Amino acid sequence: MKDYHVLEARNGREVEMRRRSSLLLLAFAPGIFGCVQPLAPDPAATPVPVVRLRAEPYSFASYSGLIEPQRLVVRDPAAWAETWAVIWARHSPLPELPQVDFAHEMLVVAALGARSTGGYGIVVDSAVATADHVDVWIRTISPGSGCVVTLAVSQPVDIARLPRSDGVVRFHDRTEEHTCQ
């Protein structure tokens, strides 16, 4: 099974998502679709400040409405309001929408999708920029065999602010297993 990054239009807004598929990917528009790139950063790339919406070193939320694995790039207020509502679809009342200056910032949202237990996490780790794209590294965490976890289904999600770029955003995943004693 291979990971693909897809730039998708929803109601006139662009949303970048990662789709998993064992089928061949057909390019509907040249340059929009691309495969996951190697994990080695481009030596010409410049580090980009990543400001996560949660300062602690774990997921923004463990229980969200994002039940499928996704990687989203949000570049406008309407898409942000829609994404925020989906993230908090399982909660009432809806928390206040954080304000974002989309003239200077964009958001990346990384969702792990539904997991059968707790103990899973996802974190936007870092980013670098080149003249034509931004590479974002996402860390996914799974519980080790000795970990005690909740028996509740979880849907971890993380959100980070990055300086605005209208270029392609490429996501790179790395996994780690949490060791418990």
C-alpha atoms as a PDB file:
ATOM      1  CA  MET A   1       0.000   0.000   0.000  1.00  0.00           C
ATOM      2  CA  LYS A   2       1.437   3.417  -0.921  1.00  0.00           C
ATOM      3  CA  ASP A   3       0.799   6.883   0.467  1.00  0.00           C
ATOM      4  CA  TYR A   4      -0.128   9.676  -1.902  1.00  0.00           C
ATOM      5  CA  HIS A   5      -0.633  13.368  -1.324  1.00  0.00           C
ATOM      6  CA  VAL A   6      -3.656  14.819  -3.044  1.00  0.00           C
ATOM      7  CA  LEU A   7      -4.614  18.441  -3.454  1.00  0.00           C
ATOM      8  CA  GLU A   8      -8.402  18.403  -3.440  1.00  0.00           C
ATOM      9  CA  ALA A   9     -10.887  21.189  -4.062  1.00  0.00           C
ATOM     10  CA  ARG A  10     -13.870  21.427  -1.725  1.00  0.00           C
ATOM     11  CA  ASN A  11     -16.464  24.083  -2.340  1.00  0.00           C
ATOM     12  CA  GLY A  12     -13.931  26.146  -4.254  1.00  0.00           C
ATOM     13  CA  ARG A  13     -11.277  25.842  -1.532  1.00  0.00           C
ATOM     14  CA  GLU A  14      -8.098  23.799  -1.748  1.00  0.00           C
ATOM     15  CA  VAL A  15      -7.495  21.159   0.894  1.00  0.00           C
ATOM     16  CA  GLU A  16      -4.437  18.942   0.764  1.00  0.00           C
ATOM     17  CA  MET A  17      -5.040  15.386   1.963  1.00  0.00           C
ATOM     18  CA  ARG A  18      -3.110  12.149   2.096  1.00  0.00           C
ATOM     19  CA  ARG A  19      -4.929   9.176   0.668  1.00  0.00           C
ATOM     20  CA  ARG A  20      -3.902   5.541   0.936  1.00  0.00           C
ATOM     21  CA  SER A  21      -4.487   3.429  -2.091  1.00  0.00           C
ATOM     22  CA  SER A  22      -3.237   0.200  -3.586  1.00  0.00           C
ATOM     23  CA  LEU A  23      -4.505   1.354  -6.990  1.00  0.00           C
ATOM     24  CA  LEU A  24      -2.510   3.329  -9.497  1.00  0.00           C
ATOM     25  CA  LEU A  25      -2.855   7.059  -9.061  1.00  0.00           C
ATOM     26  CA  LEU A  26      -4.150   8.838 -12.131  1.00  0.00           C
ATOM     27  CA  ALA A  27      -2.972  12.406 -12.549  1.00  0.00           C
ATOM     28  CA  PHE A  28      -6.014  14.531 -13.297  1.00  0.00           C
ATOM     29  CA  ALA A  29      -3.963  17.737 -13.454  1.00  0.00           C
ATOM     30  CA  PRO A  30      -0.191  17.789 -14.014  1.00  0.00           C
ATOM     31  CA  GLY A  31       1.835  18.753 -10.959  1.00  0.00           C
ATOM     32  CA  ILE A  32      -1.011  18.540  -8.469  1.00  0.00           C
ATOM     33  CA  PHE A  33      -0.475  14.961  -7.350  1.00  0.00           C
ATOM     34  CA  GLY A  34       2.813  13.576  -6.098  1.00  0.00           C
ATOM     35  CA  CYS A  35       4.218  10.642  -4.196  1.00  0.00           C
ATOM     36  CA  VAL A  36       5.739  10.851  -0.760  1.00  0.00           C
ATOM     37  CA  GLN A  37       9.313  12.092  -1.075  1.00  0.00           C
ATOM     38  CA  PRO A  38      12.356  10.641   0.716  1.00  0.00           C
ATOM     39  CA  LEU A  39      12.764  11.633   4.358  1.00  0.00           C
ATOM     40  CA  ALA A  40      16.138  13.347   3.826  1.00  0.00           C
ATOM     41  CA  PRO A  41      15.677  17.135   3.824  1.00  0.00           C
ATOM     42  CA  ASP A  42      16.831  19.179   0.861  1.00  0.00           C
ATOM     43  CA  PRO A  43      20.206  20.774   1.753  1.00  0.00           C
ATOM     44  CA  ALA A  44      18.990  24.064   0.200  1.00  0.00           C
ATOM     45  CA  ALA A  45      15.898  24.094   2.424  1.00  0.00           C
ATOM     46  CA  THR A  46      15.381  26.662   5.162  1.00  0.00           C
ATOM     47  CA  PRO A  47      13.849  25.672   8.521  1.00  0.00           C
ATOM     48  CA  VAL A  48      10.304  26.979   8.931  1.00  0.00           C
ATOM     49  CA  PRO A  49       8.885  27.915  12.344  1.00  0.00           C
ATOM     50  CA  VAL A  50       6.191  25.455  13.413  1.00  0.00           C
ATOM     51  CA  VAL A  51       3.855  26.701  16.136  1.00  0.00           C
ATOM     52  CA  ARG A  52       1.611  23.885  17.329  1.00  0.00           C
ATOM     53  CA  LEU A  53      -1.779  24.797  18.765  1.00  0.00           C
ATOM     54  CA  ARG A  54      -0.859  22.667  21.778  1.00  0.00           C
ATOM     55  CA  ALA A  55       2.512  23.341  23.417  1.00  0.00           C
ATOM     56  CA  GLU A  56       2.772  19.961  25.174  1.00  0.00           C
ATOM     57  CA  PRO A  57       4.621  17.208  23.239  1.00  0.00           C
ATOM     58  CA  TYR A  58       1.514  15.181  22.406  1.00  0.00           C
ATOM     59  CA  SER A  59      -1.465  15.401  20.074  1.00  0.00           C
ATOM     60  CA  PHE A  60      -3.730  18.456  20.034  1.00  0.00           C
ATOM     61  CA  ALA A  61      -6.713  16.153  20.705  1.00  0.00           C
ATOM     62  CA  SER A  62      -7.127  12.398  21.141  1.00  0.00           C
ATOM     63  CA  TYR A  63     -10.806  12.244  20.242  1.00  0.00           C
ATOM     64  CA  SER A  64     -11.797  14.008  17.031  1.00  0.00           C
ATOM     65  CA  GLY A  65     -14.242  13.716  14.176  1.00  0.00           C
ATOM     66  CA  LEU A  66     -11.390  12.869  11.768  1.00  0.00           C
ATOM     67  CA  ILE A  67     -11.804   9.097  11.587  1.00  0.00           C
ATOM     68  CA  GLU A  68      -9.647   8.633   8.461  1.00  0.00           C
ATOM     69  CA  PRO A  69      -5.892   9.357   8.307  1.00  0.00           C
ATOM     70  CA  GLN A  70      -5.505  12.803   6.747  1.00  0.00           C
ATOM     71  CA  ARG A  71      -2.955  15.516   6.093  1.00  0.00           C
ATOM     72  CA  LEU A  72      -4.598  18.872   5.447  1.00  0.00           C
ATOM     73  CA  VAL A  73      -3.312  22.300   4.485  1.00  0.00           C
ATOM     74  CA  VAL A  74      -5.722  25.086   5.430  1.00  0.00           C
ATOM     75  CA  ARG A  75      -5.188  28.467   3.782  1.00  0.00           C
ATOM     76  CA  ASP A  76      -8.476  30.355   4.276  1.00  0.00           C
ATOM     77  CA  PRO A  77     -10.986  31.147   7.054  1.00  0.00           C
ATOM     78  CA  ALA A  78     -13.895  29.184   5.553  1.00  0.00           C
ATOM     79  CA  ALA A  79     -11.841  25.990   5.223  1.00  0.00           C
ATOM     80  CA  TRP A  80     -10.523  26.534   8.775  1.00  0.00           C
ATOM     81  CA  ALA A  81     -14.047  26.882  10.214  1.00  0.00           C
ATOM     82  CA  GLU A  82     -15.135  23.729   8.358  1.00  0.00           C
ATOM     83  CA  THR A  83     -12.075  21.755   9.508  1.00  0.00           C
ATOM     84  CA  TRP A  84     -12.481  22.950  13.128  1.00  0.00           C
ATOM     85  CA  ALA A  85     -16.131  21.834  13.117  1.00  0.00           C
ATOM     86  CA  VAL A  86     -15.142  18.363  11.857  1.00  0.00           C
ATOM     87  CA  ILE A  87     -12.354  18.040  14.441  1.00  0.00           C
ATOM     88  CA  TRP A  88     -14.811  18.816  17.240  1.00  0.00           C
ATOM     89  CA  ALA A  89     -17.820  16.994  15.716  1.00  0.00           C
ATOM     90  CA  ARG A  90     -17.960  14.616  18.701  1.00  0.00           C
ATOM     91  CA  HIS A  91     -18.039  17.456  21.272  1.00  0.00           C
ATOM     92  CA  SER A  92     -20.656  19.934  22.375  1.00  0.00           C
ATOM     93  CA  PRO A  93     -20.469  22.846  22.608  1.00  0.00           C
ATOM     94  CA  LEU A  94     -17.986  23.552  19.840  1.00  0.00           C
ATOM     95  CA  PRO A  95     -14.857  25.249  21.273  1.00  0.00           C
ATOM     96  CA  GLU A  96     -14.138  28.765  20.044  1.00  0.00           C
ATOM     97  CA  LEU A  97     -12.338  28.846  16.703  1.00  0.00           C
ATOM     98  CA  PRO A  98      -8.709  30.013  17.106  1.00  0.00           C
ATOM     99  CA  GLN A  99      -8.026  33.097  15.005  1.00  0.00           C
ATOM    100  CA  VAL A 100      -5.487  32.751  12.195  1.00  0.00           C
ATOM    101  CA  ASP A 101      -4.001  35.486  10.002  1.00  0.00           C
ATOM    102  CA  PHE A 102      -4.285  33.673   6.662  1.00  0.00           C
ATOM    103  CA  ALA A 103      -2.528  36.537   4.862  1.00  0.00           C
ATOM    104  CA  HIS A 104       0.662  35.478   6.696  1.00  0.00           C
ATOM    105  CA  GLU A 105      -0.064  31.980   8.063  1.00  0.00           C
ATOM    106  CA  MET A 106      -1.433  28.630   7.008  1.00  0.00           C
ATOM    107  CA  LEU A 107      -2.350  25.624   9.101  1.00  0.00           C
ATOM    108  CA  VAL A 108      -1.377  22.004   8.732  1.00  0.00           C
ATOM    109  CA  VAL A 109      -3.637  19.392  10.274  1.00  0.00           C
ATOM    110  CA  ALA A 110      -2.463  15.807  10.744  1.00  0.00           C
ATOM    111  CA  ALA A 111      -5.014  13.162  11.709  1.00  0.00           C
ATOM    112  CA  LEU A 112      -4.057   9.601  12.575  1.00  0.00           C
ATOM    113  CA  GLY A 113      -7.543   8.238  11.971  1.00  0.00           C
ATOM    114  CA  ALA A 114      -9.534   5.937  14.245  1.00  0.00           C
ATOM    115  CA  ARG A 115      -7.556   3.579  16.472  1.00  0.00           C
ATOM    116  CA  SER A 116      -9.081   0.772  18.512  1.00  0.00           C
ATOM    117  CA  THR A 117      -7.577   1.995  21.805  1.00  0.00           C
ATOM    118  CA  GLY A 118      -5.932   4.991  23.418  1.00  0.00           C
ATOM    119  CA  GLY A 119      -2.168   5.370  23.614  1.00  0.00           C
ATOM    120  CA  TYR A 120      -1.769   6.584  20.006  1.00  0.00           C
ATOM    121  CA  GLY A 121      -0.599  10.054  19.055  1.00  0.00           C
ATOM    122  CA  ILE A 122       0.378  12.286  16.173  1.00  0.00           C
ATOM    123  CA  VAL A 123       2.559  15.416  16.249  1.00  0.00           C
ATOM    124  CA  VAL A 124       3.609  17.975  13.649  1.00  0.00           C
ATOM    125  CA  ASP A 125       7.370  17.901  14.323  1.00  0.00           C
ATOM    126  CA  SER A 126       9.121  20.262  11.940  1.00  0.00           C
ATOM    127  CA  ALA A 127       9.139  21.887   8.509  1.00  0.00           C
ATOM    128  CA  VAL A 128      11.542  23.256   5.919  1.00  0.00           C
ATOM    129  CA  ALA A 129      10.928  25.395   2.842  1.00  0.00           C
ATOM    130  CA  THR A 130      12.489  25.648  -0.590  1.00  0.00           C
ATOM    131  CA  ALA A 131      11.629  28.054  -3.386  1.00  0.00           C
ATOM    132  CA  ASP A 132       8.735  25.884  -4.612  1.00  0.00           C
ATOM    133  CA  HIS A 133       7.554  23.681  -1.741  1.00  0.00           C
ATOM    134  CA  VAL A 134       7.361  23.080   2.003  1.00  0.00           C
ATOM    135  CA  ASP A 135       8.252  19.734   3.596  1.00  0.00           C
ATOM    136  CA  VAL A 136       6.474  18.924   6.871  1.00  0.00           C
ATOM    137  CA  TRP A 137       7.495  16.039   9.146  1.00  0.00           C
ATOM    138  CA  ILE A 138       4.765  14.242  11.077  1.00  0.00           C
ATOM    139  CA  ARG A 139       5.526  11.840  13.931  1.00  0.00           C
ATOM    140  CA  THR A 140       3.021   9.093  14.716  1.00  0.00           C
ATOM    141  CA  ILE A 141       3.252   7.271  18.032  1.00  0.00           C
ATOM    142  CA  SER A 142       1.814   3.862  18.859  1.00  0.00           C
ATOM    143  CA  PRO A 143       1.734   2.182  22.268  1.00  0.00           C
ATOM    144  CA  GLY A 144       4.229  -0.612  22.895  1.00  0.00           C
ATOM    145  CA  SER A 145       3.209  -4.084  23.986  1.00  0.00           C
ATOM    146  CA  GLY A 146       3.714  -3.283  27.687  1.00  0.00           C
ATOM    147  CA  CYS A 147       1.661  -0.073  27.687  1.00  0.00           C
ATOM    148  CA  VAL A 148      -1.614   0.252  29.557  1.00  0.00           C
ATOM    149  CA  VAL A 149      -4.118   2.001  27.284  1.00  0.00           C
ATOM    150  CA  THR A 150      -7.741   3.057  27.460  1.00  0.00           C
ATOM    151  CA  LEU A 151     -10.184   0.772  25.694  1.00  0.00           C
ATOM    152  CA  ALA A 152     -11.898   3.724  24.034  1.00  0.00           C
ATOM    153  CA  VAL A 153     -11.585   4.263  20.292  1.00  0.00           C
ATOM    154  CA  SER A 154      -9.353   7.300  19.686  1.00  0.00           C
ATOM    155  CA  GLN A 155      -8.834   9.626  16.704  1.00  0.00           C
ATOM    156  CA  PRO A 156      -5.660  11.651  17.427  1.00  0.00           C
ATOM    157  CA  VAL A 157      -5.138  14.936  15.568  1.00  0.00           C
ATOM    158  CA  ASP A 158      -2.505  17.672  15.657  1.00  0.00           C
ATOM    159  CA  ILE A 159      -2.596  21.235  14.290  1.00  0.00           C
ATOM    160  CA  ALA A 160       0.265  23.666  13.645  1.00  0.00           C
ATOM    161  CA  ARG A 161       0.716  27.176  12.251  1.00  0.00           C
ATOM    162  CA  LEU A 162       3.355  27.751   9.590  1.00  0.00           C
ATOM    163  CA  PRO A 163       4.266  30.847   7.599  1.00  0.00           C
ATOM    164  CA  ARG A 164       2.000  31.038   4.566  1.00  0.00           C
ATOM    165  CA  SER A 165       3.207  29.403   1.380  1.00  0.00           C
ATOM    166  CA  ASP A 166       1.131  28.998  -1.741  1.00  0.00           C
ATOM    167  CA  GLY A 167       3.458  26.250  -2.988  1.00  0.00           C
ATOM    168  CA  VAL A 168       3.068  22.509  -2.634  1.00  0.00           C
ATOM    169  CA  VAL A 169       3.188  21.080   0.882  1.00  0.00           C
ATOM    170  CA  ARG A 170       4.694  17.598   1.141  1.00  0.00           C
ATOM    171  CA  PHE A 171       4.190  15.486   4.249  1.00  0.00           C
ATOM    172  CA  HIS A 172       6.734  12.972   5.538  1.00  0.00           C
ATOM    173  CA  ASP A 173       5.732  10.497   8.221  1.00  0.00           C
ATOM    174  CA  ARG A 174       7.922   8.773  10.731  1.00  0.00           C
ATOM    175  CA  THR A 175       6.635   6.304  13.264  1.00  0.00           C
ATOM    176  CA  GLU A 176       7.754   5.445  16.739  1.00  0.00           C
ATOM    177  CA  GLU A 177       6.584   3.002  19.341  1.00  0.00           C
ATOM    178  CA  HIS A 178       6.236   4.265  22.905  1.00  0.00           C
ATOM    179  CA  THR A 179       7.963   1.955  25.348  1.00  0.00           C
ATOM    180  CA  CYS A 180       6.299   1.426  28.701  1.00  0.00           C
ATOM    181  CA  GLN A 181       7.709  -0.331  31.738  1.00  0.00           C
END
